[in-house]
Amino acid sequence: MKPSVRRIAPLLAVLLLGTGLAQAQYKVVAPDGSVTYTDRPPASPELRITPMGRNAVAAAAPAPELALPLELRTAVQRHPVTLYTGEGCAPCDTARRLLVQRGIPFSERRIVTEEDTAALERLVGARSIPSLMVGSQPLRGFSDADWTNYLDAAGYPRQSRLPRNWQPQPPRPLVERATPVAAAPAEPAAAPAEPDSPAPSGIRF
């Protein structure tokens, strides 16, 4: 006895739906709560897009930029922003505030040692802090107008589009430190040592 069309149709629909989910790369939730699956992320900031793993299982740890609206995500991927700062640097605080208020996702690298200073000079062509890297374009020293113009040209929105739960990355040294080895107790010095310099040599604010 042949199976009826009415019995085959629901089974076929389930199989087709399962195949579509297996190929889907993104789960899209509309403002009204409706859910769709697609292999390409829609270009709409109103949609909540979740990257999917194989067999329609959500990825455990999607890249942070994937949680950004499309316009902002595109700018981050094409022209990532890195801020170079130092301790006790008032212009660095002003520069950081500009990026935060505008909603620019950025990584911050701290200049602490002479090794950091030398690496900064190789990257931006000077030992000035704060400095900014927008894609491959270095900006030496803080200038509200110049930084704004370059961020505009890189496609970053004028107003913040960051999600409410967005958390900036903590500052990291420009040159990663090796794990310090415990030193033997120092012998008493014969004469008072010269006071340490408060900042790496050659740094200009």
N, C-alpha and C. Protein backbone atom coordinates (compact mmCIF):
# COMPACT_ATOMS: atom_id res chain seq x y z
N MET A 1 0.85 -1.19 0.00
CA MET A 1 0.00 0.00 0.00
C MET A 1 0.89 1.24 0.00
N LYS A 2 0.62 2.16 -0.95
CA LYS A 2 1.44 3.36 -1.06
C LYS A 2 1.03 4.38 0.01
N PRO A 3 2.02 5.07 0.60
CA PRO A 3 1.66 6.11 1.58
C PRO A 3 0.93 7.24 0.90
N SER A 4 -0.02 7.81 1.58
CA SER A 4 -0.82 8.90 1.01
C SER A 4 0.00 10.18 0.95
N VAL A 5 -0.41 11.07 0.05
CA VAL A 5 0.27 12.37 -0.08
C VAL A 5 0.14 13.18 1.18
N ARG A 6 -1.00 13.05 1.88
CA ARG A 6 -1.22 13.82 3.11
C ARG A 6 -0.23 13.42 4.19
N ARG A 7 0.20 12.16 4.21
CA ARG A 7 1.16 11.72 5.22
C ARG A 7 2.59 12.12 4.84
N ILE A 8 2.88 12.14 3.53
CA ILE A 8 4.25 12.45 3.10
C ILE A 8 4.54 13.94 3.22
N ALA A 9 3.56 14.79 2.93
CA ALA A 9 3.78 16.23 2.90
C ALA A 9 4.34 16.80 4.20
N PRO A 10 3.73 16.46 5.38
CA PRO A 10 4.31 17.01 6.63
C PRO A 10 5.74 16.54 6.86
N LEU A 11 6.02 15.26 6.54
CA LEU A 11 7.37 14.74 6.74
C LEU A 11 8.36 15.45 5.84
N LEU A 12 7.95 15.69 4.59
CA LEU A 12 8.83 16.39 3.66
C LEU A 12 9.10 17.81 4.12
N ALA A 13 8.08 18.47 4.66
CA ALA A 13 8.25 19.85 5.15
C ALA A 13 9.25 19.91 6.30
N VAL A 14 9.17 18.91 7.20
CA VAL A 14 10.11 18.86 8.33
C VAL A 14 11.53 18.66 7.84
N LEU A 15 11.69 17.78 6.85
CA LEU A 15 13.04 17.53 6.32
C LEU A 15 13.61 18.77 5.66
N LEU A 16 12.78 19.48 4.89
CA LEU A 16 13.25 20.71 4.25
C LEU A 16 13.60 21.78 5.26
N LEU A 17 12.78 21.89 6.32
CA LEU A 17 13.06 22.87 7.37
C LEU A 17 14.36 22.54 8.07
N GLY A 18 14.59 21.25 8.35
CA GLY A 18 15.82 20.85 9.01
C GLY A 18 17.03 21.15 8.15
N THR A 19 16.91 20.94 6.83
CA THR A 19 18.02 21.24 5.93
C THR A 19 18.33 22.73 5.93
N GLY A 20 17.26 23.55 5.92
CA GLY A 20 17.47 25.00 5.92
C GLY A 20 18.16 25.47 7.18
N LEU A 21 17.77 24.91 8.34
CA LEU A 21 18.40 25.30 9.59
C LEU A 21 19.85 24.88 9.62
N ALA A 22 20.15 23.72 9.06
CA ALA A 22 21.54 23.24 9.08
C ALA A 22 22.44 24.13 8.25
N GLN A 23 21.87 24.75 7.17
CA GLN A 23 22.68 25.61 6.33
C GLN A 23 22.68 27.05 6.81
N ALA A 24 21.77 27.40 7.69
CA ALA A 24 21.67 28.78 8.16
C ALA A 24 22.91 29.16 8.95
N GLN A 25 23.36 30.40 8.77
CA GLN A 25 24.51 30.91 9.49
C GLN A 25 24.14 32.00 10.49
N TYR A 26 22.93 32.54 10.37
CA TYR A 26 22.51 33.62 11.25
C TYR A 26 21.06 33.41 11.69
N LYS A 27 20.80 33.69 12.95
CA LYS A 27 19.44 33.72 13.48
C LYS A 27 19.05 35.18 13.61
N VAL A 28 17.92 35.57 13.03
CA VAL A 28 17.51 36.97 12.99
C VAL A 28 16.19 37.10 13.75
N VAL A 29 16.19 38.00 14.76
CA VAL A 29 15.00 38.25 15.56
C VAL A 29 14.53 39.67 15.26
N ALA A 30 13.31 39.79 14.76
CA ALA A 30 12.73 41.09 14.43
C ALA A 30 12.18 41.76 15.69
N PRO A 31 11.92 43.07 15.63
CA PRO A 31 11.38 43.78 16.80
C PRO A 31 10.08 43.18 17.33
N ASP A 32 9.28 42.53 16.45
CA ASP A 32 8.03 41.93 16.92
C ASP A 32 8.22 40.53 17.50
N GLY A 33 9.48 40.05 17.56
CA GLY A 33 9.77 38.76 18.15
C GLY A 33 9.82 37.61 17.17
N SER A 34 9.47 37.84 15.91
CA SER A 34 9.51 36.76 14.92
C SER A 34 10.96 36.39 14.62
N VAL A 35 11.19 35.10 14.37
CA VAL A 35 12.54 34.57 14.18
C VAL A 35 12.65 33.98 12.78
N THR A 36 13.74 34.31 12.09
CA THR A 36 14.05 33.70 10.80
C THR A 36 15.51 33.29 10.79
N TYR A 37 15.86 32.40 9.87
CA TYR A 37 17.23 31.93 9.72
C TYR A 37 17.69 32.21 8.29
N THR A 38 18.94 32.65 8.15
CA THR A 38 19.46 33.02 6.84
C THR A 38 20.95 32.75 6.76
N ASP A 39 21.47 32.66 5.54
CA ASP A 39 22.91 32.47 5.37
C ASP A 39 23.63 33.79 5.18
N ARG A 40 22.88 34.92 5.15
CA ARG A 40 23.48 36.25 5.04
C ARG A 40 22.83 37.18 6.05
N PRO A 41 23.64 37.98 6.78
CA PRO A 41 23.05 38.90 7.77
C PRO A 41 22.32 40.04 7.09
N PRO A 42 21.06 40.33 7.46
CA PRO A 42 20.32 41.45 6.86
C PRO A 42 20.95 42.78 7.24
N ALA A 43 20.81 43.76 6.38
CA ALA A 43 21.37 45.09 6.62
C ALA A 43 20.33 45.98 7.28
N SER A 44 20.00 45.70 8.53
CA SER A 44 19.03 46.51 9.26
C SER A 44 19.42 46.58 10.73
N PRO A 45 19.63 47.80 11.27
CA PRO A 45 20.02 47.93 12.68
C PRO A 45 18.92 47.54 13.66
N GLU A 46 17.66 47.40 13.18
CA GLU A 46 16.55 47.08 14.08
C GLU A 46 16.49 45.58 14.38
N LEU A 47 17.22 44.77 13.62
CA LEU A 47 17.17 43.32 13.80
C LEU A 47 18.27 42.87 14.74
N ARG A 48 17.98 41.87 15.57
CA ARG A 48 18.98 41.27 16.45
C ARG A 48 19.51 40.03 15.75
N ILE A 49 20.81 40.05 15.41
CA ILE A 49 21.42 38.99 14.61
C ILE A 49 22.35 38.17 15.48
N THR A 50 22.16 36.84 15.48
CA THR A 50 22.99 35.92 16.25
C THR A 50 23.66 34.95 15.30
N PRO A 51 25.04 34.91 15.29
CA PRO A 51 25.72 33.93 14.45
C PRO A 51 25.39 32.51 14.91
N MET A 52 25.28 31.59 13.97
CA MET A 52 24.92 30.22 14.26
C MET A 52 26.08 29.29 13.98
N GLY A 53 26.15 28.21 14.77
CA GLY A 53 27.11 27.16 14.51
C GLY A 53 26.50 26.10 13.62
N ARG A 54 27.11 24.96 13.53
CA ARG A 54 26.57 23.88 12.70
C ARG A 54 25.27 23.35 13.31
N ASN A 55 24.40 22.87 12.43
CA ASN A 55 23.11 22.30 12.84
C ASN A 55 22.26 23.29 13.63
N ALA A 56 22.38 24.58 13.26
CA ALA A 56 21.56 25.64 13.84
C ALA A 56 21.75 25.78 15.34
N VAL A 57 22.96 25.52 15.85
CA VAL A 57 23.27 25.74 17.26
C VAL A 57 24.02 27.05 17.37
N ALA A 58 23.56 27.93 18.23
CA ALA A 58 24.20 29.24 18.35
C ALA A 58 25.65 29.09 18.75
N ALA A 59 26.52 29.93 18.14
CA ALA A 59 27.93 29.88 18.46
C ALA A 59 28.14 30.25 19.93
N ALA A 60 29.07 29.58 20.57
CA ALA A 60 29.27 29.78 22.01
C ALA A 60 29.83 31.15 22.32
N ALA A 61 30.76 31.64 21.50
CA ALA A 61 31.40 32.93 21.78
C ALA A 61 31.60 33.69 20.49
N PRO A 62 30.58 34.37 19.98
CA PRO A 62 30.74 35.12 18.75
C PRO A 62 31.71 36.27 18.95
N ALA A 63 32.37 36.68 17.88
CA ALA A 63 33.30 37.81 17.96
C ALA A 63 32.55 39.05 18.42
N PRO A 64 33.17 39.91 19.26
CA PRO A 64 32.46 41.08 19.79
C PRO A 64 31.88 41.97 18.70
N GLU A 65 32.59 42.13 17.56
CA GLU A 65 32.08 43.03 16.54
C GLU A 65 30.80 42.52 15.89
N LEU A 66 30.51 41.20 16.00
CA LEU A 66 29.29 40.67 15.41
C LEU A 66 28.04 41.13 16.15
N ALA A 67 28.21 41.61 17.39
CA ALA A 67 27.08 42.12 18.15
C ALA A 67 26.78 43.57 17.82
N LEU A 68 27.58 44.20 16.95
CA LEU A 68 27.40 45.60 16.61
C LEU A 68 26.42 45.76 15.45
N PRO A 69 25.76 46.91 15.35
CA PRO A 69 24.95 47.20 14.17
C PRO A 69 25.82 47.15 12.91
N LEU A 70 25.18 46.89 11.78
CA LEU A 70 25.93 46.65 10.55
C LEU A 70 26.84 47.81 10.18
N GLU A 71 26.35 49.05 10.25
CA GLU A 71 27.16 50.20 9.87
C GLU A 71 28.42 50.30 10.72
N LEU A 72 28.26 50.09 12.01
CA LEU A 72 29.41 50.17 12.92
C LEU A 72 30.32 48.97 12.74
N ARG A 73 29.74 47.79 12.55
CA ARG A 73 30.54 46.58 12.37
C ARG A 73 31.41 46.67 11.12
N THR A 74 30.89 47.25 10.05
CA THR A 74 31.65 47.41 8.81
C THR A 74 32.85 48.32 9.03
N ALA A 75 32.66 49.43 9.75
CA ALA A 75 33.76 50.36 10.02
C ALA A 75 34.83 49.70 10.87
N VAL A 76 34.41 48.92 11.87
CA VAL A 76 35.37 48.25 12.75
C VAL A 76 36.20 47.23 11.98
N GLN A 77 35.57 46.49 11.08
CA GLN A 77 36.28 45.47 10.32
C GLN A 77 37.26 46.08 9.32
N ARG A 78 36.89 47.21 8.74
CA ARG A 78 37.74 47.83 7.71
C ARG A 78 38.80 48.74 8.31
N HIS A 79 38.44 49.47 9.37
CA HIS A 79 39.35 50.46 9.95
C HIS A 79 39.33 50.36 11.48
N PRO A 80 39.91 49.31 12.06
CA PRO A 80 39.92 49.20 13.53
C PRO A 80 40.67 50.36 14.17
N VAL A 81 40.22 50.74 15.35
CA VAL A 81 40.78 51.91 16.05
C VAL A 81 41.57 51.45 17.28
N THR A 82 42.80 51.95 17.41
CA THR A 82 43.64 51.66 18.57
C THR A 82 44.12 52.97 19.16
N LEU A 83 43.95 53.12 20.47
CA LEU A 83 44.37 54.32 21.19
C LEU A 83 45.61 53.99 22.01
N TYR A 84 46.64 54.84 21.92
CA TYR A 84 47.88 54.66 22.66
C TYR A 84 47.95 55.74 23.73
N THR A 85 48.04 55.31 25.00
CA THR A 85 47.99 56.24 26.11
C THR A 85 49.13 55.97 27.09
N GLY A 86 49.24 56.84 28.08
CA GLY A 86 50.22 56.66 29.15
C GLY A 86 49.60 57.03 30.48
N GLU A 87 50.29 56.71 31.54
CA GLU A 87 49.78 57.02 32.88
C GLU A 87 50.03 58.49 33.21
N GLY A 88 49.08 59.10 33.92
CA GLY A 88 49.20 60.49 34.30
C GLY A 88 49.18 61.44 33.12
N CYS A 89 48.42 61.11 32.08
CA CYS A 89 48.40 61.88 30.84
C CYS A 89 47.00 62.46 30.67
N ALA A 90 46.85 63.76 30.97
CA ALA A 90 45.54 64.41 30.86
C ALA A 90 45.01 64.42 29.42
N PRO A 91 45.84 64.71 28.40
CA PRO A 91 45.32 64.64 27.02
C PRO A 91 44.83 63.25 26.65
N CYS A 92 45.43 62.21 27.25
CA CYS A 92 44.97 60.84 26.98
C CYS A 92 43.55 60.65 27.49
N ASP A 93 43.25 61.23 28.66
CA ASP A 93 41.89 61.14 29.20
C ASP A 93 40.89 61.84 28.29
N THR A 94 41.29 62.99 27.73
CA THR A 94 40.42 63.72 26.81
C THR A 94 40.19 62.92 25.54
N ALA A 95 41.25 62.30 25.03
CA ALA A 95 41.14 61.49 23.81
C ALA A 95 40.23 60.30 24.03
N ARG A 96 40.39 59.62 25.15
CA ARG A 96 39.55 58.46 25.46
C ARG A 96 38.08 58.88 25.58
N ARG A 97 37.86 60.04 26.21
CA ARG A 97 36.49 60.52 26.39
C ARG A 97 35.82 60.78 25.04
N LEU A 98 36.58 61.31 24.08
CA LEU A 98 36.03 61.55 22.74
C LEU A 98 35.54 60.25 22.11
N LEU A 99 36.36 59.21 22.19
CA LEU A 99 36.00 57.93 21.58
C LEU A 99 34.79 57.31 22.28
N VAL A 100 34.77 57.39 23.61
CA VAL A 100 33.67 56.78 24.37
C VAL A 100 32.36 57.51 24.08
N GLN A 101 32.38 58.84 24.08
CA GLN A 101 31.15 59.61 23.87
C GLN A 101 30.60 59.41 22.46
N ARG A 102 31.49 59.20 21.51
CA ARG A 102 31.03 58.99 20.14
C ARG A 102 30.63 57.53 19.89
N GLY A 103 30.98 56.65 20.81
CA GLY A 103 30.61 55.24 20.65
C GLY A 103 31.52 54.50 19.70
N ILE A 104 32.82 54.79 19.75
CA ILE A 104 33.80 54.12 18.89
C ILE A 104 34.33 52.89 19.62
N PRO A 105 34.15 51.68 19.10
CA PRO A 105 34.81 50.51 19.71
C PRO A 105 36.31 50.61 19.44
N PHE A 106 37.12 50.59 20.49
CA PHE A 106 38.56 50.74 20.30
C PHE A 106 39.30 49.87 21.30
N SER A 107 40.54 49.56 20.96
CA SER A 107 41.43 48.89 21.91
C SER A 107 42.44 49.92 22.39
N GLU A 108 42.79 49.85 23.67
CA GLU A 108 43.72 50.81 24.27
C GLU A 108 45.00 50.10 24.65
N ARG A 109 46.12 50.65 24.18
CA ARG A 109 47.43 50.10 24.52
C ARG A 109 48.19 51.13 25.34
N ARG A 110 48.70 50.69 26.47
CA ARG A 110 49.35 51.58 27.44
C ARG A 110 50.87 51.61 27.21
N ILE A 111 51.42 52.82 27.19
CA ILE A 111 52.86 53.01 27.03
C ILE A 111 53.45 53.20 28.42
N VAL A 112 54.23 52.23 28.87
CA VAL A 112 54.76 52.26 30.24
C VAL A 112 56.28 52.22 30.24
N THR A 113 56.87 51.31 29.49
CA THR A 113 58.32 51.11 29.52
C THR A 113 58.99 51.70 28.29
N GLU A 114 60.31 51.72 28.32
CA GLU A 114 61.07 52.19 27.17
C GLU A 114 60.82 51.28 25.96
N GLU A 115 60.59 50.00 26.22
CA GLU A 115 60.29 49.08 25.13
C GLU A 115 58.95 49.44 24.47
N ASP A 116 57.97 49.84 25.28
CA ASP A 116 56.69 50.31 24.74
C ASP A 116 56.90 51.56 23.89
N THR A 117 57.73 52.47 24.38
CA THR A 117 57.97 53.73 23.68
C THR A 117 58.60 53.48 22.31
N ALA A 118 59.57 52.58 22.27
CA ALA A 118 60.22 52.26 20.99
C ALA A 118 59.23 51.62 20.03
N ALA A 119 58.37 50.76 20.55
CA ALA A 119 57.37 50.12 19.70
C ALA A 119 56.36 51.15 19.17
N LEU A 120 55.99 52.13 20.01
CA LEU A 120 55.08 53.18 19.58
C LEU A 120 55.69 53.99 18.44
N GLU A 121 56.97 54.30 18.57
CA GLU A 121 57.64 55.08 17.52
C GLU A 121 57.66 54.31 16.20
N ARG A 122 57.84 53.01 16.26
CA ARG A 122 57.82 52.20 15.03
C ARG A 122 56.43 52.19 14.40
N LEU A 123 55.39 52.22 15.24
CA LEU A 123 54.02 52.14 14.72
C LEU A 123 53.52 53.46 14.15
N VAL A 124 53.71 54.56 14.88
CA VAL A 124 53.11 55.83 14.47
C VAL A 124 54.13 56.86 14.01
N GLY A 125 55.43 56.53 14.13
CA GLY A 125 56.46 57.45 13.65
C GLY A 125 56.84 58.53 14.63
N ALA A 126 56.44 58.42 15.89
CA ALA A 126 56.78 59.41 16.91
C ALA A 126 56.57 58.80 18.28
N ARG A 127 57.04 59.53 19.31
CA ARG A 127 56.87 59.06 20.68
C ARG A 127 55.83 59.89 21.42
N SER A 128 54.86 60.40 20.72
CA SER A 128 53.84 61.27 21.30
C SER A 128 52.64 60.47 21.77
N ILE A 129 52.13 60.83 22.93
CA ILE A 129 50.87 60.27 23.41
C ILE A 129 49.97 61.43 23.84
N PRO A 130 48.67 61.28 23.62
CA PRO A 130 48.03 60.12 23.00
C PRO A 130 48.27 60.08 21.50
N SER A 131 48.25 58.88 20.94
CA SER A 131 48.26 58.69 19.51
C SER A 131 47.11 57.75 19.16
N LEU A 132 46.67 57.83 17.92
CA LEU A 132 45.54 57.02 17.47
C LEU A 132 45.89 56.36 16.15
N MET A 133 45.45 55.12 16.00
CA MET A 133 45.59 54.41 14.73
C MET A 133 44.18 54.10 14.23
N VAL A 134 43.82 54.67 13.08
CA VAL A 134 42.53 54.39 12.45
C VAL A 134 42.83 53.57 11.20
N GLY A 135 42.61 52.28 11.27
CA GLY A 135 43.06 51.40 10.20
C GLY A 135 44.58 51.41 10.16
N SER A 136 45.14 51.85 9.06
CA SER A 136 46.61 51.96 8.94
C SER A 136 47.08 53.41 9.03
N GLN A 137 46.17 54.33 9.37
CA GLN A 137 46.50 55.75 9.43
C GLN A 137 46.86 56.17 10.85
N PRO A 138 48.13 56.55 11.11
CA PRO A 138 48.49 57.02 12.46
C PRO A 138 48.17 58.50 12.64
N LEU A 139 47.67 58.85 13.82
CA LEU A 139 47.43 60.24 14.18
C LEU A 139 48.22 60.53 15.44
N ARG A 140 49.19 61.41 15.34
CA ARG A 140 50.11 61.67 16.45
C ARG A 140 49.65 62.91 17.22
N GLY A 141 49.45 62.73 18.53
CA GLY A 141 48.98 63.83 19.35
C GLY A 141 47.48 64.03 19.18
N PHE A 142 46.84 64.54 20.24
CA PHE A 142 45.39 64.67 20.21
C PHE A 142 44.96 65.96 19.52
N SER A 143 44.05 65.83 18.58
CA SER A 143 43.39 66.96 17.93
C SER A 143 41.94 66.57 17.70
N ASP A 144 41.04 67.23 18.38
CA ASP A 144 39.62 66.91 18.26
C ASP A 144 39.17 66.95 16.80
N ALA A 145 39.54 68.01 16.09
CA ALA A 145 39.09 68.16 14.70
C ALA A 145 39.68 67.08 13.79
N ASP A 146 40.99 66.85 13.90
CA ASP A 146 41.63 65.85 13.04
C ASP A 146 41.09 64.45 13.31
N TRP A 147 40.98 64.08 14.58
CA TRP A 147 40.50 62.74 14.91
C TRP A 147 39.06 62.57 14.42
N THR A 148 38.24 63.59 14.59
CA THR A 148 36.85 63.51 14.14
C THR A 148 36.78 63.33 12.63
N ASN A 149 37.60 64.07 11.89
CA ASN A 149 37.59 63.97 10.43
C ASN A 149 37.99 62.58 9.96
N TYR A 150 39.00 61.99 10.58
CA TYR A 150 39.46 60.67 10.17
C TYR A 150 38.43 59.59 10.54
N LEU A 151 37.79 59.75 11.68
CA LEU A 151 36.75 58.79 12.07
C LEU A 151 35.55 58.89 11.13
N ASP A 152 35.22 60.11 10.71
CA ASP A 152 34.15 60.29 9.73
C ASP A 152 34.51 59.60 8.42
N ALA A 153 35.74 59.82 7.96
CA ALA A 153 36.18 59.24 6.69
C ALA A 153 36.22 57.72 6.74
N ALA A 154 36.46 57.17 7.93
CA ALA A 154 36.50 55.71 8.09
C ALA A 154 35.11 55.09 8.15
N GLY A 155 34.07 55.94 8.19
CA GLY A 155 32.70 55.42 8.17
C GLY A 155 32.07 55.22 9.53
N TYR A 156 32.69 55.75 10.60
CA TYR A 156 32.09 55.60 11.93
C TYR A 156 30.93 56.58 12.10
N PRO A 157 29.80 56.13 12.66
CA PRO A 157 28.65 57.03 12.85
C PRO A 157 29.00 58.19 13.77
N ARG A 158 28.35 59.33 13.54
CA ARG A 158 28.58 60.51 14.38
C ARG A 158 28.00 60.31 15.78
N GLN A 159 26.89 59.59 15.89
CA GLN A 159 26.26 59.31 17.18
C GLN A 159 26.51 57.86 17.55
N SER A 160 26.59 57.59 18.86
CA SER A 160 26.88 56.24 19.33
C SER A 160 25.80 55.25 18.90
N ARG A 161 26.24 54.13 18.33
CA ARG A 161 25.34 53.04 17.97
C ARG A 161 25.66 51.78 18.77
N LEU A 162 26.46 51.92 19.81
CA LEU A 162 26.86 50.76 20.59
C LEU A 162 25.67 50.18 21.36
N PRO A 163 25.61 48.85 21.47
CA PRO A 163 24.56 48.25 22.32
C PRO A 163 24.73 48.70 23.76
N ARG A 164 23.62 48.69 24.50
CA ARG A 164 23.66 49.17 25.89
C ARG A 164 24.58 48.35 26.77
N ASN A 165 24.73 47.06 26.46
CA ASN A 165 25.56 46.19 27.29
C ASN A 165 27.00 46.11 26.80
N TRP A 166 27.40 46.98 25.89
CA TRP A 166 28.76 46.94 25.35
C TRP A 166 29.76 47.35 26.43
N GLN A 167 30.85 46.59 26.55
CA GLN A 167 31.89 46.87 27.52
C GLN A 167 33.22 47.06 26.79
N PRO A 168 33.91 48.19 26.99
CA PRO A 168 35.21 48.38 26.33
C PRO A 168 36.25 47.42 26.89
N GLN A 169 37.24 47.12 26.09
CA GLN A 169 38.33 46.25 26.53
C GLN A 169 39.23 47.00 27.51
N PRO A 170 39.74 46.34 28.54
CA PRO A 170 40.66 47.02 29.46
C PRO A 170 41.98 47.34 28.76
N PRO A 171 42.68 48.40 29.18
CA PRO A 171 43.97 48.75 28.56
C PRO A 171 44.98 47.62 28.73
N ARG A 172 45.84 47.45 27.74
CA ARG A 172 46.91 46.45 27.79
C ARG A 172 48.22 47.11 27.41
N PRO A 173 49.34 46.59 27.92
CA PRO A 173 50.64 47.14 27.52
C PRO A 173 50.84 46.95 26.01
N LEU A 174 51.53 47.89 25.39
CA LEU A 174 51.78 47.76 23.96
C LEU A 174 52.65 46.54 23.68
N VAL A 175 53.66 46.33 24.51
CA VAL A 175 54.52 45.15 24.39
C VAL A 175 54.16 44.21 25.53
N GLU A 176 53.73 43.02 25.20
CA GLU A 176 53.32 42.06 26.23
C GLU A 176 54.50 41.72 27.12
N ARG A 177 54.23 41.64 28.44
CA ARG A 177 55.28 41.38 29.41
C ARG A 177 55.47 39.89 29.61
N ALA A 178 56.71 39.49 29.78
CA ALA A 178 56.99 38.11 30.17
C ALA A 178 56.66 37.95 31.64
N THR A 179 56.36 36.72 32.07
CA THR A 179 56.06 36.46 33.48
C THR A 179 57.28 36.78 34.32
N PRO A 180 57.16 37.71 35.28
CA PRO A 180 58.34 38.09 36.06
C PRO A 180 58.86 36.93 36.92
N VAL A 181 60.18 36.86 37.04
CA VAL A 181 60.83 35.85 37.86
C VAL A 181 61.19 36.48 39.19
N ALA A 182 60.88 35.78 40.29
CA ALA A 182 61.17 36.32 41.62
C ALA A 182 62.67 36.57 41.76
N ALA A 183 63.02 37.79 42.15
CA ALA A 183 64.43 38.16 42.28
C ALA A 183 64.91 37.89 43.70
N ALA A 184 66.21 37.64 43.81
CA ALA A 184 66.82 37.43 45.12
C ALA A 184 66.84 38.76 45.87
N PRO A 185 66.80 38.71 47.22
CA PRO A 185 66.85 39.96 47.99
C PRO A 185 68.08 40.77 47.63
N ALA A 186 67.86 42.07 47.40
CA ALA A 186 68.98 42.94 47.00
C ALA A 186 69.81 43.29 48.22
N GLU A 187 71.13 43.43 47.98
CA GLU A 187 72.03 43.85 49.06
C GLU A 187 71.87 45.35 49.30
N PRO A 188 72.15 45.81 50.52
CA PRO A 188 72.01 47.25 50.79
C PRO A 188 72.90 48.06 49.86
N ALA A 189 72.34 49.13 49.33
CA ALA A 189 73.08 49.97 48.40
C ALA A 189 74.07 50.84 49.16
N ALA A 190 75.20 51.11 48.53
CA ALA A 190 76.23 51.92 49.16
C ALA A 190 75.82 53.37 49.22
N ALA A 191 75.03 53.82 48.23
CA ALA A 191 74.62 55.22 48.18
C ALA A 191 73.17 55.28 47.75
N PRO A 192 72.48 56.36 48.11
CA PRO A 192 71.08 56.49 47.68
C PRO A 192 70.97 56.46 46.17
N ALA A 193 69.97 55.73 45.68
CA ALA A 193 69.78 55.63 44.24
C ALA A 193 69.07 56.86 43.71
N GLU A 194 69.31 57.16 42.45
CA GLU A 194 68.63 58.28 41.81
C GLU A 194 67.15 57.95 41.69
N PRO A 195 66.25 58.91 41.87
CA PRO A 195 64.81 58.62 41.73
C PRO A 195 64.48 58.21 40.30
N ASP A 196 63.54 57.25 40.18
CA ASP A 196 63.13 56.79 38.85
C ASP A 196 62.40 57.90 38.09
N SER A 197 62.55 57.90 36.79
CA SER A 197 61.81 58.84 35.96
C SER A 197 60.34 58.49 35.97
N PRO A 198 59.43 59.48 36.06
CA PRO A 198 58.00 59.16 36.14
C PRO A 198 57.42 58.63 34.83
N ALA A 199 58.15 58.78 33.71
CA ALA A 199 57.63 58.32 32.43
C ALA A 199 58.79 57.84 31.58
N PRO A 200 58.55 56.96 30.59
CA PRO A 200 59.63 56.52 29.72
C PRO A 200 60.32 57.68 29.04
N SER A 201 61.63 57.59 28.85
CA SER A 201 62.38 58.67 28.25
C SER A 201 61.89 58.93 26.83
N GLY A 202 61.76 60.21 26.51
CA GLY A 202 61.36 60.56 25.16
C GLY A 202 59.88 60.73 24.97
N ILE A 203 59.05 60.38 25.95
CA ILE A 203 57.60 60.51 25.79
C ILE A 203 57.22 61.99 25.88
N ARG A 204 56.35 62.40 24.97
CA ARG A 204 55.85 63.79 24.98
C ARG A 204 54.34 63.77 25.10
N PHE A 205 53.80 64.65 25.93
CA PHE A 205 52.36 64.76 26.08
C PHE A 205 51.86 65.91 25.21
